[in-house]
Amino acid sequence: METVLNGDCVEPIAVHDFSEKILEQLVHFHVMKLSGGFFLWIGSSPVLSNLALAVNSKYDSMPLSALVLGDTSDTTPSSLAQRLTKKTKKQVFVSYNLPMTDSNLALLVENRIKKEMEIHPDKF
């Protein structure tokens, strides 16, 4: 069912959740599919410590990204949003709320997201 707003059809927000144990830590993923993009929350506890946005640019092959909320020294959410935008060609919001205790964790988390995108492409 689509909602009509100012004469335009607007897709409803679809929600998709999944979890996986990665490096002995239970990681939760929450995806909200939006019209033209998606919001992805990643974490082990219910916090929103940062938020990054990435969009495609007609001037550059690399998507533009900005950290909307959080510590600017942590580039993980912005980098992940950029790579997901490049992969999906969609506007992507990312909130990455995991401690940076292991450098492999971010890579394994990204691989798990890509696996979920292959299994459920309609959710992103």
PDB file of N, CA and C in Angstrom:
ATOM      1  N   MET A   1       0.830  -1.168   0.000  1.00  0.00           N
ATOM      2  CA  MET A   1       0.000   0.000   0.000  1.00  0.00           C
ATOM      3  C   MET A   1       0.881   1.241   0.000  1.00  0.00           C
ATOM      4  N   GLU A   2       0.622   2.160  -0.933  1.00  0.00           N
ATOM      5  CA  GLU A   2       1.387   3.381  -1.021  1.00  0.00           C
ATOM      6  C   GLU A   2       0.568   4.556  -0.507  1.00  0.00           C
ATOM      7  N   THR A   3       1.234   5.486   0.067  1.00  0.00           N
ATOM      8  CA  THR A   3       0.601   6.694   0.570  1.00  0.00           C
ATOM      9  C   THR A   3       0.768   7.793  -0.470  1.00  0.00           C
ATOM     10  N   VAL A   4      -0.263   8.592  -0.676  1.00  0.00           N
ATOM     11  CA  VAL A   4      -0.172   9.701  -1.609  1.00  0.00           C
ATOM     12  C   VAL A   4       0.063  10.974  -0.818  1.00  0.00           C
ATOM     13  N   LEU A   5       1.138  11.686  -1.169  1.00  0.00           N
ATOM     14  CA  LEU A   5       1.519  12.915  -0.486  1.00  0.00           C
ATOM     15  C   LEU A   5       1.769  13.979  -1.548  1.00  0.00           C
ATOM     16  N   ASN A   6       0.995  15.029  -1.546  1.00  0.00           N
ATOM     17  CA  ASN A   6       1.123  16.112  -2.532  1.00  0.00           C
ATOM     18  C   ASN A   6       1.060  15.589  -3.967  1.00  0.00           C
ATOM     19  N   GLY A   7       0.222  14.599  -4.208  1.00  0.00           N
ATOM     20  CA  GLY A   7       0.060  14.057  -5.552  1.00  0.00           C
ATOM     21  C   GLY A   7       1.087  13.013  -5.936  1.00  0.00           C
ATOM     22  N   ASP A   8       2.123  12.789  -5.123  1.00  0.00           N
ATOM     23  CA  ASP A   8       3.159  11.796  -5.407  1.00  0.00           C
ATOM     24  C   ASP A   8       2.923  10.555  -4.558  1.00  0.00           C
ATOM     25  N   CYS A   9       3.150   9.391  -5.152  1.00  0.00           N
ATOM     26  CA  CYS A   9       3.040   8.151  -4.388  1.00  0.00           C
ATOM     27  C   CYS A   9       4.311   7.970  -3.557  1.00  0.00           C
ATOM     28  N   VAL A  10       4.135   7.695  -2.286  1.00  0.00           N
ATOM     29  CA  VAL A  10       5.257   7.500  -1.376  1.00  0.00           C
ATOM     30  C   VAL A  10       5.213   6.069  -0.859  1.00  0.00           C
ATOM     31  N   GLU A  11       6.335   5.371  -1.002  1.00  0.00           N
ATOM     32  CA  GLU A  11       6.395   3.995  -0.508  1.00  0.00           C
ATOM     33  C   GLU A  11       6.369   3.997   1.017  1.00  0.00           C
ATOM     34  N   PRO A  12       5.707   3.004   1.606  1.00  0.00           N
ATOM     35  CA  PRO A  12       5.762   2.901   3.067  1.00  0.00           C
ATOM     36  C   PRO A  12       7.163   2.473   3.509  1.00  0.00           C
ATOM     37  N   ILE A  13       7.502   2.793   4.734  1.00  0.00           N
ATOM     38  CA  ILE A  13       8.799   2.383   5.280  1.00  0.00           C
ATOM     39  C   ILE A  13       8.708   0.905   5.649  1.00  0.00           C
ATOM     40  N   ALA A  14       9.635   0.122   5.110  1.00  0.00           N
ATOM     41  CA  ALA A  14       9.679  -1.310   5.413  1.00  0.00           C
ATOM     42  C   ALA A  14      10.832  -1.562   6.377  1.00  0.00           C
ATOM     43  N   VAL A  15      10.599  -2.407   7.366  1.00  0.00           N
ATOM     44  CA  VAL A  15      11.603  -2.688   8.397  1.00  0.00           C
ATOM     45  C   VAL A  15      12.077  -4.134   8.277  1.00  0.00           C
ATOM     46  N   HIS A  16      13.378  -4.325   8.435  1.00  0.00           N
ATOM     47  CA  HIS A  16      13.975  -5.662   8.373  1.00  0.00           C
ATOM     48  C   HIS A  16      15.058  -5.739   9.448  1.00  0.00           C
ATOM     49  N   ASP A  17      14.988  -6.746  10.307  1.00  0.00           N
ATOM     50  CA  ASP A  17      15.971  -6.941  11.380  1.00  0.00           C
ATOM     51  C   ASP A  17      16.661  -8.285  11.231  1.00  0.00           C
ATOM     52  N   PHE A  18      17.942  -8.318  11.563  1.00  0.00           N
ATOM     53  CA  PHE A  18      18.671  -9.589  11.623  1.00  0.00           C
ATOM     54  C   PHE A  18      19.813  -9.427  12.614  1.00  0.00           C
ATOM     55  N   SER A  19      20.320 -10.537  13.117  1.00  0.00           N
ATOM     56  CA  SER A  19      21.400 -10.538  14.104  1.00  0.00           C
ATOM     57  C   SER A  19      22.372 -11.654  13.788  1.00  0.00           C
ATOM     58  N   GLU A  20      23.593 -11.496  14.256  1.00  0.00           N
ATOM     59  CA  GLU A  20      24.597 -12.540  14.087  1.00  0.00           C
ATOM     60  C   GLU A  20      25.679 -12.367  15.143  1.00  0.00           C
ATOM     61  N   LYS A  21      26.230 -13.479  15.585  1.00  0.00           N
ATOM     62  CA  LYS A  21      27.351 -13.443  16.517  1.00  0.00           C
ATOM     63  C   LYS A  21      28.625 -13.299  15.682  1.00  0.00           C
ATOM     64  N   ILE A  22      29.327 -12.204  15.904  1.00  0.00           N
ATOM     65  CA  ILE A  22      30.556 -11.910  15.161  1.00  0.00           C
ATOM     66  C   ILE A  22      31.661 -11.670  16.183  1.00  0.00           C
ATOM     67  N   LEU A  23      32.718 -12.446  16.099  1.00  0.00           N
ATOM     68  CA  LEU A  23      33.841 -12.362  17.049  1.00  0.00           C
ATOM     69  C   LEU A  23      33.348 -12.375  18.493  1.00  0.00           C
ATOM     70  N   GLU A  24      32.505 -13.345  18.806  1.00  0.00           N
ATOM     71  CA  GLU A  24      31.974 -13.561  20.150  1.00  0.00           C
ATOM     72  C   GLU A  24      31.073 -12.424  20.652  1.00  0.00           C
ATOM     73  N   GLN A  25      30.619 -11.571  19.737  1.00  0.00           N
ATOM     74  CA  GLN A  25      29.744 -10.466  20.114  1.00  0.00           C
ATOM     75  C   GLN A  25      28.457 -10.552  19.287  1.00  0.00           C
ATOM     76  N   LEU A  26      27.312 -10.483  19.941  1.00  0.00           N
ATOM     77  CA  LEU A  26      26.041 -10.502  19.226  1.00  0.00           C
ATOM     78  C   LEU A  26      25.804  -9.112  18.648  1.00  0.00           C
ATOM     79  N   VAL A  27      25.718  -9.054  17.309  1.00  0.00           N
ATOM     80  CA  VAL A  27      25.529  -7.791  16.602  1.00  0.00           C
ATOM     81  C   VAL A  27      24.132  -7.785  16.003  1.00  0.00           C
ATOM     82  N   HIS A  28      23.405  -6.695  16.248  1.00  0.00           N
ATOM     83  CA  HIS A  28      22.051  -6.540  15.724  1.00  0.00           C
ATOM     84  C   HIS A  28      22.079  -5.548  14.574  1.00  0.00           C
ATOM     85  N   PHE A  29      21.249  -5.817  13.564  1.00  0.00           N
ATOM     86  CA  PHE A  29      21.135  -4.959  12.392  1.00  0.00           C
ATOM     87  C   PHE A  29      19.662  -4.600  12.228  1.00  0.00           C
ATOM     88  N   HIS A  30      19.398  -3.324  12.002  1.00  0.00           N
ATOM     89  CA  HIS A  30      18.032  -2.845  11.814  1.00  0.00           C
ATOM     90  C   HIS A  30      18.031  -2.014  10.532  1.00  0.00           C
ATOM     91  N   VAL A  31      17.244  -2.462   9.551  1.00  0.00           N
ATOM     92  CA  VAL A  31      17.176  -1.769   8.267  1.00  0.00           C
ATOM     93  C   VAL A  31      15.788  -1.179   8.108  1.00  0.00           C
ATOM     94  N   MET A  32      15.734   0.088   7.741  1.00  0.00           N
ATOM     95  CA  MET A  32      14.472   0.730   7.391  1.00  0.00           C
ATOM     96  C   MET A  32      14.596   1.162   5.930  1.00  0.00           C
ATOM     97  N   LYS A  33      13.858   0.471   5.057  1.00  0.00           N
ATOM     98  CA  LYS A  33      13.889   0.804   3.636  1.00  0.00           C
ATOM     99  C   LYS A  33      13.023   2.037   3.419  1.00  0.00           C
ATOM    100  N   LEU A  34      13.614   3.049   2.808  1.00  0.00           N
ATOM    101  CA  LEU A  34      12.953   4.312   2.545  1.00  0.00           C
ATOM    102  C   LEU A  34      12.785   4.475   1.030  1.00  0.00           C
ATOM    103  N   SER A  35      12.046   5.445   0.637  1.00  0.00           N
ATOM    104  CA  SER A  35      11.900   5.740  -0.786  1.00  0.00           C
ATOM    105  C   SER A  35      13.231   6.289  -1.299  1.00  0.00           C
ATOM    106  N   GLY A  36      13.933   5.538  -2.135  1.00  0.00           N
ATOM    107  CA  GLY A  36      15.204   5.983  -2.700  1.00  0.00           C
ATOM    108  C   GLY A  36      16.421   5.714  -1.843  1.00  0.00           C
ATOM    109  N   GLY A  37      16.260   4.992  -0.756  1.00  0.00           N
ATOM    110  CA  GLY A  37      17.409   4.711   0.087  1.00  0.00           C
ATOM    111  C   GLY A  37      17.037   3.868   1.285  1.00  0.00           C
ATOM    112  N   PHE A  38      17.951   3.799   2.253  1.00  0.00           N
ATOM    113  CA  PHE A  38      17.666   3.042   3.470  1.00  0.00           C
ATOM    114  C   PHE A  38      18.494   3.560   4.637  1.00  0.00           C
ATOM    115  N   PHE A  39      17.986   3.284   5.836  1.00  0.00           N
ATOM    116  CA  PHE A  39      18.657   3.600   7.098  1.00  0.00           C
ATOM    117  C   PHE A  39      19.117   2.274   7.685  1.00  0.00           C
ATOM    118  N   LEU A  40      20.367   2.177   8.085  1.00  0.00           N
ATOM    119  CA  LEU A  40      20.918   0.957   8.660  1.00  0.00           C
ATOM    120  C   LEU A  40      21.516   1.267  10.015  1.00  0.00           C
ATOM    121  N   TRP A  41      20.963   0.626  11.062  1.00  0.00           N
ATOM    122  CA  TRP A  41      21.492   0.754  12.413  1.00  0.00           C
ATOM    123  C   TRP A  41      22.210  -0.538  12.748  1.00  0.00           C
ATOM    124  N   ILE A  42      23.423  -0.415  13.294  1.00  0.00           N
ATOM    125  CA  ILE A  42      24.231  -1.574  13.668  1.00  0.00           C
ATOM    126  C   ILE A  42      24.677  -1.367  15.108  1.00  0.00           C
ATOM    127  N   GLY A  43      24.465  -2.371  15.960  1.00  0.00           N
ATOM    128  CA  GLY A  43      24.899  -2.226  17.339  1.00  0.00           C
ATOM    129  C   GLY A  43      24.654  -3.463  18.174  1.00  0.00           C
ATOM    130  N   SER A  44      25.109  -3.402  19.418  1.00  0.00           N
ATOM    131  CA  SER A  44      24.906  -4.513  20.346  1.00  0.00           C
ATOM    132  C   SER A  44      24.014  -4.087  21.509  1.00  0.00           C
ATOM    133  N   SER A  45      23.786  -2.788  21.642  1.00  0.00           N
ATOM    134  CA  SER A  45      22.893  -2.270  22.673  1.00  0.00           C
ATOM    135  C   SER A  45      22.127  -1.088  22.077  1.00  0.00           C
ATOM    136  N   PRO A  46      20.975  -0.745  22.659  1.00  0.00           N
ATOM    137  CA  PRO A  46      20.108   0.276  22.055  1.00  0.00           C
ATOM    138  C   PRO A  46      20.616   1.716  22.240  1.00  0.00           C
ATOM    139  N   VAL A  47      21.615   2.096  21.443  1.00  0.00           N
ATOM    140  CA  VAL A  47      22.132   3.462  21.453  1.00  0.00           C
ATOM    141  C   VAL A  47      22.251   3.971  20.014  1.00  0.00           C
ATOM    142  N   LEU A  48      22.185   5.264  19.864  1.00  0.00           N
ATOM    143  CA  LEU A  48      22.393   5.919  18.578  1.00  0.00           C
ATOM    144  C   LEU A  48      23.489   6.960  18.797  1.00  0.00           C
ATOM    145  N   SER A  49      24.744   6.494  18.739  1.00  0.00           N
ATOM    146  CA  SER A  49      25.863   7.370  19.071  1.00  0.00           C
ATOM    147  C   SER A  49      26.391   8.144  17.879  1.00  0.00           C
ATOM    148  N   ASN A  50      25.987   7.762  16.674  1.00  0.00           N
ATOM    149  CA  ASN A  50      26.425   8.485  15.486  1.00  0.00           C
ATOM    150  C   ASN A  50      25.435   8.255  14.354  1.00  0.00           C
ATOM    151  N   LEU A  51      25.525   9.082  13.333  1.00  0.00           N
ATOM    152  CA  LEU A  51      24.684   8.937  12.148  1.00  0.00           C
ATOM    153  C   LEU A  51      25.408   9.566  10.973  1.00  0.00           C
ATOM    154  N   ALA A  52      25.601   8.783   9.923  1.00  0.00           N
ATOM    155  CA  ALA A  52      26.259   9.275   8.715  1.00  0.00           C
ATOM    156  C   ALA A  52      25.305   9.128   7.541  1.00  0.00           C
ATOM    157  N   LEU A  53      25.508   9.957   6.546  1.00  0.00           N
ATOM    158  CA  LEU A  53      24.695   9.947   5.337  1.00  0.00           C
ATOM    159  C   LEU A  53      25.622   9.940   4.144  1.00  0.00           C
ATOM    160  N   ALA A  54      25.292   9.140   3.129  1.00  0.00           N
ATOM    161  CA  ALA A  54      26.047   9.149   1.878  1.00  0.00           C
ATOM    162  C   ALA A  54      25.071   9.178   0.709  1.00  0.00           C
ATOM    163  N   VAL A  55      25.442   9.955  -0.313  1.00  0.00           N
ATOM    164  CA  VAL A  55      24.634  10.085  -1.524  1.00  0.00           C
ATOM    165  C   VAL A  55      25.558  10.052  -2.736  1.00  0.00           C
ATOM    166  N   ASN A  56      25.011   9.626  -3.863  1.00  0.00           N
ATOM    167  CA  ASN A  56      25.778   9.641  -5.100  1.00  0.00           C
ATOM    168  C   ASN A  56      25.966  11.074  -5.575  1.00  0.00           C
ATOM    169  N   SER A  57      27.033  11.288  -6.295  1.00  0.00           N
ATOM    170  CA  SER A  57      27.335  12.603  -6.855  1.00  0.00           C
ATOM    171  C   SER A  57      27.484  12.483  -8.359  1.00  0.00           C
ATOM    172  N   LYS A  58      26.947  13.440  -9.079  1.00  0.00           N
ATOM    173  CA  LYS A  58      27.112  13.413 -10.530  1.00  0.00           C
ATOM    174  C   LYS A  58      28.495  13.932 -10.928  1.00  0.00           C
ATOM    175  N   TYR A  59      29.238  14.482  -9.965  1.00  0.00           N
ATOM    176  CA  TYR A  59      30.559  15.047 -10.232  1.00  0.00           C
ATOM    177  C   TYR A  59      31.714  14.120  -9.890  1.00  0.00           C
ATOM    178  N   ASP A  60      31.436  13.047  -9.180  1.00  0.00           N
ATOM    179  CA  ASP A  60      32.509  12.172  -8.714  1.00  0.00           C
ATOM    180  C   ASP A  60      31.994  10.740  -8.657  1.00  0.00           C
ATOM    181  N   SER A  61      32.855   9.770  -8.923  1.00  0.00           N
ATOM    182  CA  SER A  61      32.448   8.361  -8.858  1.00  0.00           C
ATOM    183  C   SER A  61      32.287   7.891  -7.416  1.00  0.00           C
ATOM    184  N   MET A  62      32.951   8.587  -6.487  1.00  0.00           N
ATOM    185  CA  MET A  62      32.834   8.236  -5.073  1.00  0.00           C
ATOM    186  C   MET A  62      31.672   9.017  -4.464  1.00  0.00           C
ATOM    187  N   PRO A  63      30.755   8.342  -3.776  1.00  0.00           N
ATOM    188  CA  PRO A  63      29.636   9.050  -3.143  1.00  0.00           C
ATOM    189  C   PRO A  63      30.113  10.070  -2.108  1.00  0.00           C
ATOM    190  N   LEU A  64      29.315  11.102  -1.928  1.00  0.00           N
ATOM    191  CA  LEU A  64      29.584  12.111  -0.906  1.00  0.00           C
ATOM    192  C   LEU A  64      29.068  11.591   0.426  1.00  0.00           C
ATOM    193  N   SER A  65      29.757  11.896   1.507  1.00  0.00           N
ATOM    194  CA  SER A  65      29.274  11.452   2.816  1.00  0.00           C
ATOM    195  C   SER A  65      29.472  12.561   3.841  1.00  0.00           C
ATOM    196  N   ALA A  66      28.641  12.509   4.859  1.00  0.00           N
ATOM    197  CA  ALA A  66      28.736  13.476   5.942  1.00  0.00           C
ATOM    198  C   ALA A  66      28.325  12.799   7.240  1.00  0.00           C
ATOM    199  N   LEU A  67      29.010  13.141   8.300  1.00  0.00           N
ATOM    200  CA  LEU A  67      28.626  12.666   9.628  1.00  0.00           C
ATOM    201  C   LEU A  67      27.653  13.692  10.200  1.00  0.00           C
ATOM    202  N   VAL A  68      26.425  13.273  10.430  1.00  0.00           N
ATOM    203  CA  VAL A  68      25.375  14.153  10.914  1.00  0.00           C
ATOM    204  C   VAL A  68      25.410  14.248  12.434  1.00  0.00           C
ATOM    205  N   LEU A  69      25.787  13.154  13.085  1.00  0.00           N
ATOM    206  CA  LEU A  69      25.789  13.064  14.543  1.00  0.00           C
ATOM    207  C   LEU A  69      26.943  12.181  14.974  1.00  0.00           C
ATOM    208  N   GLY A  70      27.687  12.597  15.988  1.00  0.00           N
ATOM    209  CA  GLY A  70      28.720  11.734  16.548  1.00  0.00           C
ATOM    210  C   GLY A  70      30.114  12.318  16.494  1.00  0.00           C
ATOM    211  N   ASP A  71      31.072  11.483  16.858  1.00  0.00           N
ATOM    212  CA  ASP A  71      32.479  11.842  16.959  1.00  0.00           C
ATOM    213  C   ASP A  71      33.110  11.857  15.566  1.00  0.00           C
ATOM    214  N   THR A  72      33.598  13.018  15.139  1.00  0.00           N
ATOM    215  CA  THR A  72      34.165  13.139  13.793  1.00  0.00           C
ATOM    216  C   THR A  72      35.463  12.352  13.599  1.00  0.00           C
ATOM    217  N   SER A  73      36.106  11.945  14.683  1.00  0.00           N
ATOM    218  CA  SER A  73      37.337  11.161  14.545  1.00  0.00           C
ATOM    219  C   SER A  73      37.041   9.703  14.182  1.00  0.00           C
ATOM    220  N   ASP A  74      35.790   9.262  14.342  1.00  0.00           N
ATOM    221  CA  ASP A  74      35.400   7.900  13.973  1.00  0.00           C
ATOM    222  C   ASP A  74      34.810   7.930  12.570  1.00  0.00           C
ATOM    223  N   THR A  75      35.583   7.450  11.607  1.00  0.00           N
ATOM    224  CA  THR A  75      35.155   7.483  10.208  1.00  0.00           C
ATOM    225  C   THR A  75      34.377   6.243   9.774  1.00  0.00           C
ATOM    226  N   THR A  76      34.186   5.297  10.675  1.00  0.00           N
ATOM    227  CA  THR A  76      33.518   4.043  10.323  1.00  0.00           C
ATOM    228  C   THR A  76      32.128   4.248   9.733  1.00  0.00           C
ATOM    229  N   PRO A  77      31.229   5.007  10.369  1.00  0.00           N
ATOM    230  CA  PRO A  77      29.888   5.137   9.790  1.00  0.00           C
ATOM    231  C   PRO A  77      29.880   5.823   8.427  1.00  0.00           C
ATOM    232  N   SER A  78      30.687   6.856   8.255  1.00  0.00           N
ATOM    233  CA  SER A  78      30.739   7.567   6.968  1.00  0.00           C
ATOM    234  C   SER A  78      31.317   6.686   5.863  1.00  0.00           C
ATOM    235  N   SER A  79      32.379   5.972   6.177  1.00  0.00           N
ATOM    236  CA  SER A  79      33.010   5.088   5.183  1.00  0.00           C
ATOM    237  C   SER A  79      32.067   3.967   4.774  1.00  0.00           C
ATOM    238  N   LEU A  80      31.391   3.378   5.752  1.00  0.00           N
ATOM    239  CA  LEU A  80      30.448   2.301   5.455  1.00  0.00           C
ATOM    240  C   LEU A  80      29.287   2.827   4.619  1.00  0.00           C
ATOM    241  N   ALA A  81      28.766   3.990   4.972  1.00  0.00           N
ATOM    242  CA  ALA A  81      27.669   4.590   4.199  1.00  0.00           C
ATOM    243  C   ALA A  81      28.105   4.832   2.757  1.00  0.00           C
ATOM    244  N   GLN A  82      29.324   5.316   2.566  1.00  0.00           N
ATOM    245  CA  GLN A  82      29.849   5.556   1.216  1.00  0.00           C
ATOM    246  C   GLN A  82      29.915   4.268   0.408  1.00  0.00           C
ATOM    247  N   ARG A  83      30.466   3.215   1.003  1.00  0.00           N
ATOM    248  CA  ARG A  83      30.615   1.953   0.276  1.00  0.00           C
ATOM    249  C   ARG A  83      29.246   1.339  -0.052  1.00  0.00           C
ATOM    250  N   LEU A  84      28.289   1.459   0.878  1.00  0.00           N
ATOM    251  CA  LEU A  84      26.951   0.917   0.618  1.00  0.00           C
ATOM    252  C   LEU A  84      26.215   1.735  -0.439  1.00  0.00           C
ATOM    253  N   THR A  85      26.422   3.038  -0.454  1.00  0.00           N
ATOM    254  CA  THR A  85      25.832   3.877  -1.505  1.00  0.00           C
ATOM    255  C   THR A  85      26.411   3.517  -2.856  1.00  0.00           C
ATOM    256  N   LYS A  86      27.722   3.334  -2.890  1.00  0.00           N
ATOM    257  CA  LYS A  86      28.369   2.952  -4.156  1.00  0.00           C
ATOM    258  C   LYS A  86      27.840   1.613  -4.655  1.00  0.00           C
ATOM    259  N   LYS A  87      27.617   0.680  -3.742  1.00  0.00           N
ATOM    260  CA  LYS A  87      27.119  -0.650  -4.113  1.00  0.00           C
ATOM    261  C   LYS A  87      25.658  -0.621  -4.562  1.00  0.00           C
ATOM    262  N   THR A  88      24.831   0.134  -3.851  1.00  0.00           N
ATOM    263  CA  THR A  88      23.385   0.097  -4.110  1.00  0.00           C
ATOM    264  C   THR A  88      22.879   1.216  -5.009  1.00  0.00           C
ATOM    265  N   LYS A  89      23.702   2.267  -5.184  1.00  0.00           N
ATOM    266  CA  LYS A  89      23.287   3.462  -5.940  1.00  0.00           C
ATOM    267  C   LYS A  89      22.123   4.168  -5.265  1.00  0.00           C
ATOM    268  N   LYS A  90      22.011   4.033  -3.936  1.00  0.00           N
ATOM    269  CA  LYS A  90      20.934   4.644  -3.159  1.00  0.00           C
ATOM    270  C   LYS A  90      21.516   5.560  -2.087  1.00  0.00           C
ATOM    271  N   GLN A  91      20.663   6.439  -1.581  1.00  0.00           N
ATOM    272  CA  GLN A  91      21.025   7.265  -0.427  1.00  0.00           C
ATOM    273  C   GLN A  91      21.025   6.351   0.797  1.00  0.00           C
ATOM    274  N   VAL A  92      22.089   6.417   1.590  1.00  0.00           N
ATOM    275  CA  VAL A  92      22.227   5.507   2.724  1.00  0.00           C
ATOM    276  C   VAL A  92      22.548   6.290   4.001  1.00  0.00           C
ATOM    277  N   PHE A  93      21.794   5.996   5.054  1.00  0.00           N
ATOM    278  CA  PHE A  93      22.061   6.504   6.397  1.00  0.00           C
ATOM    279  C   PHE A  93      22.625   5.334   7.197  1.00  0.00           C
ATOM    280  N   VAL A  94      23.715   5.534   7.916  1.00  0.00           N
ATOM    281  CA  VAL A  94      24.317   4.471   8.730  1.00  0.00           C
ATOM    282  C   VAL A  94      24.557   4.982  10.140  1.00  0.00           C
ATOM    283  N   SER A  95      24.149   4.174  11.111  1.00  0.00           N
ATOM    284  CA  SER A  95      24.494   4.402  12.506  1.00  0.00           C
ATOM    285  C   SER A  95      25.236   3.154  12.976  1.00  0.00           C
ATOM    286  N   TYR A  96      26.544   3.297  13.206  1.00  0.00           N
ATOM    287  CA  TYR A  96      27.411   2.178  13.585  1.00  0.00           C
ATOM    288  C   TYR A  96      27.770   2.338  15.055  1.00  0.00           C
ATOM    289  N   ASN A  97      27.221   1.461  15.896  1.00  0.00           N
ATOM    290  CA  ASN A  97      27.331   1.601  17.349  1.00  0.00           C
ATOM    291  C   ASN A  97      28.023   0.409  17.992  1.00  0.00           C
ATOM    292  N   LEU A  98      29.177   0.055  17.473  1.00  0.00           N
ATOM    293  CA  LEU A  98      29.966  -1.044  18.034  1.00  0.00           C
ATOM    294  C   LEU A  98      31.327  -0.499  18.450  1.00  0.00           C
ATOM    295  N   PRO A  99      31.891  -1.008  19.539  1.00  0.00           N
ATOM    296  CA  PRO A  99      33.220  -0.544  19.957  1.00  0.00           C
ATOM    297  C   PRO A  99      34.292  -0.974  18.953  1.00  0.00           C
ATOM    298  N   MET A 100      35.287  -0.148  18.787  1.00  0.00           N
ATOM    299  CA  MET A 100      36.375  -0.458  17.859  1.00  0.00           C
ATOM    300  C   MET A 100      37.490  -1.210  18.587  1.00  0.00           C
ATOM    301  N   THR A 101      37.133  -2.330  19.206  1.00  0.00           N
ATOM    302  CA  THR A 101      38.111  -3.113  19.957  1.00  0.00           C
ATOM    303  C   THR A 101      38.902  -4.061  19.059  1.00  0.00           C
ATOM    304  N   ASP A 102      38.345  -4.429  17.917  1.00  0.00           N
ATOM    305  CA  ASP A 102      39.013  -5.344  16.997  1.00  0.00           C
ATOM    306  C   ASP A 102      38.873  -4.795  15.589  1.00  0.00           C
ATOM    307  N   SER A 103      39.984  -4.613  14.900  1.00  0.00           N
ATOM    308  CA  SER A 103      39.952  -4.028  13.557  1.00  0.00           C
ATOM    309  C   SER A 103      39.217  -4.913  12.548  1.00  0.00           C
ATOM    310  N   ASN A 104      39.146  -6.202  12.831  1.00  0.00           N
ATOM    311  CA  ASN A 104      38.440  -7.112  11.920  1.00  0.00           C
ATOM    312  C   ASN A 104      36.928  -7.010  12.056  1.00  0.00           C
ATOM    313  N   LEU A 105      36.444  -6.488  13.174  1.00  0.00           N
ATOM    314  CA  LEU A 105      35.005  -6.449  13.423  1.00  0.00           C
ATOM    315  C   LEU A 105      34.263  -5.667  12.346  1.00  0.00           C
ATOM    316  N   ALA A 106      34.736  -4.484  11.999  1.00  0.00           N
ATOM    317  CA  ALA A 106      34.058  -3.654  10.992  1.00  0.00           C
ATOM    318  C   ALA A 106      33.994  -4.366   9.646  1.00  0.00           C
ATOM    319  N   LEU A 107      35.072  -5.039   9.268  1.00  0.00           N
ATOM    320  CA  LEU A 107      35.097  -5.773   7.997  1.00  0.00           C
ATOM    321  C   LEU A 107      34.102  -6.937   8.021  1.00  0.00           C
ATOM    322  N   LEU A 108      34.070  -7.682   9.121  1.00  0.00           N
ATOM    323  CA  LEU A 108      33.144  -8.809   9.243  1.00  0.00           C
ATOM    324  C   LEU A 108      31.688  -8.330   9.272  1.00  0.00           C
ATOM    325  N   VAL A 109      31.449  -7.202   9.909  1.00  0.00           N
ATOM    326  CA  VAL A 109      30.102  -6.624   9.945  1.00  0.00           C
ATOM    327  C   VAL A 109      29.679  -6.230   8.533  1.00  0.00           C
ATOM    328  N   GLU A 110      30.563  -5.564   7.795  1.00  0.00           N
ATOM    329  CA  GLU A 110      30.243  -5.169   6.421  1.00  0.00           C
ATOM    330  C   GLU A 110      29.989  -6.390   5.537  1.00  0.00           C
ATOM    331  N   ASN A 111      30.780  -7.426   5.709  1.00  0.00           N
ATOM    332  CA  ASN A 111      30.562  -8.652   4.933  1.00  0.00           C
ATOM    333  C   ASN A 111      29.203  -9.269   5.251  1.00  0.00           C
ATOM    334  N   ARG A 112      28.799  -9.203   6.513  1.00  0.00           N
ATOM    335  CA  ARG A 112      27.488  -9.749   6.905  1.00  0.00           C
ATOM    336  C   ARG A 112      26.353  -8.934   6.281  1.00  0.00           C
ATOM    337  N   ILE A 113      26.530  -7.626   6.208  1.00  0.00           N
ATOM    338  CA  ILE A 113      25.529  -6.770   5.563  1.00  0.00           C
ATOM    339  C   ILE A 113      25.413  -7.119   4.079  1.00  0.00           C
ATOM    340  N   LYS A 114      26.541  -7.275   3.405  1.00  0.00           N
ATOM    341  CA  LYS A 114      26.536  -7.613   1.979  1.00  0.00           C
ATOM    342  C   LYS A 114      25.880  -8.972   1.742  1.00  0.00           C
ATOM    343  N   LYS A 115      26.129  -9.924   2.650  1.00  0.00           N
ATOM    344  CA  LYS A 115      25.488 -11.238   2.544  1.00  0.00           C
ATOM    345  C   LYS A 115      23.969 -11.095   2.660  1.00  0.00           C
ATOM    346  N   GLU A 116      23.522 -10.277   3.608  1.00  0.00           N
ATOM    347  CA  GLU A 116      22.083 -10.067   3.790  1.00  0.00           C
ATOM    348  C   GLU A 116      21.480  -9.365   2.572  1.00  0.00           C
ATOM    349  N   MET A 117      22.237  -8.482   1.958  1.00  0.00           N
ATOM    350  CA  MET A 117      21.768  -7.791   0.754  1.00  0.00           C
ATOM    351  C   MET A 117      21.589  -8.767  -0.414  1.00  0.00           C
ATOM    352  N   GLU A 118      22.445  -9.787  -0.467  1.00  0.00           N
ATOM    353  CA  GLU A 118      22.310 -10.802  -1.506  1.00  0.00           C
ATOM    354  C   GLU A 118      21.104 -11.698  -1.248  1.00  0.00           C
ATOM    355  N   ILE A 119      20.888 -12.044   0.017  1.00  0.00           N
ATOM    356  CA  ILE A 119      19.769 -12.926   0.384  1.00  0.00           C
ATOM    357  C   ILE A 119      18.426 -12.189   0.264  1.00  0.00           C
ATOM    358  N   HIS A 120      18.385 -10.928   0.709  1.00  0.00           N
ATOM    359  CA  HIS A 120      17.140 -10.133   0.754  1.00  0.00           C
ATOM    360  C   HIS A 120      17.343  -8.778   0.087  1.00  0.00           C
ATOM    361  N   PRO A 121      17.564  -8.746  -1.228  1.00  0.00           N
ATOM    362  CA  PRO A 121      17.803  -7.451  -1.888  1.00  0.00           C
ATOM    363  C   PRO A 121      16.605  -6.496  -1.802  1.00  0.00           C
ATOM    364  N   ASP A 122      15.413  -7.044  -1.653  1.00  0.00           N
ATOM    365  CA  ASP A 122      14.210  -6.222  -1.563  1.00  0.00           C
ATOM    366  C   ASP A 122      14.089  -5.469  -0.243  1.00  0.00           C
ATOM    367  N   LYS A 123      14.917  -5.777   0.736  1.00  0.00           N
ATOM    368  CA  LYS A 123      14.850  -5.144   2.053  1.00  0.00           C
ATOM    369  C   LYS A 123      15.736  -3.904   2.157  1.00  0.00           C
ATOM    370  N   PHE A 124      16.523  -3.655   1.121  1.00  0.00           N
ATOM    371  CA  PHE A 124      17.484  -2.543   1.154  1.00  0.00           C
ATOM    372  C   PHE A 124      17.176  -1.520   0.067  1.00  0.00           C
TER     373      PHE A 124
END
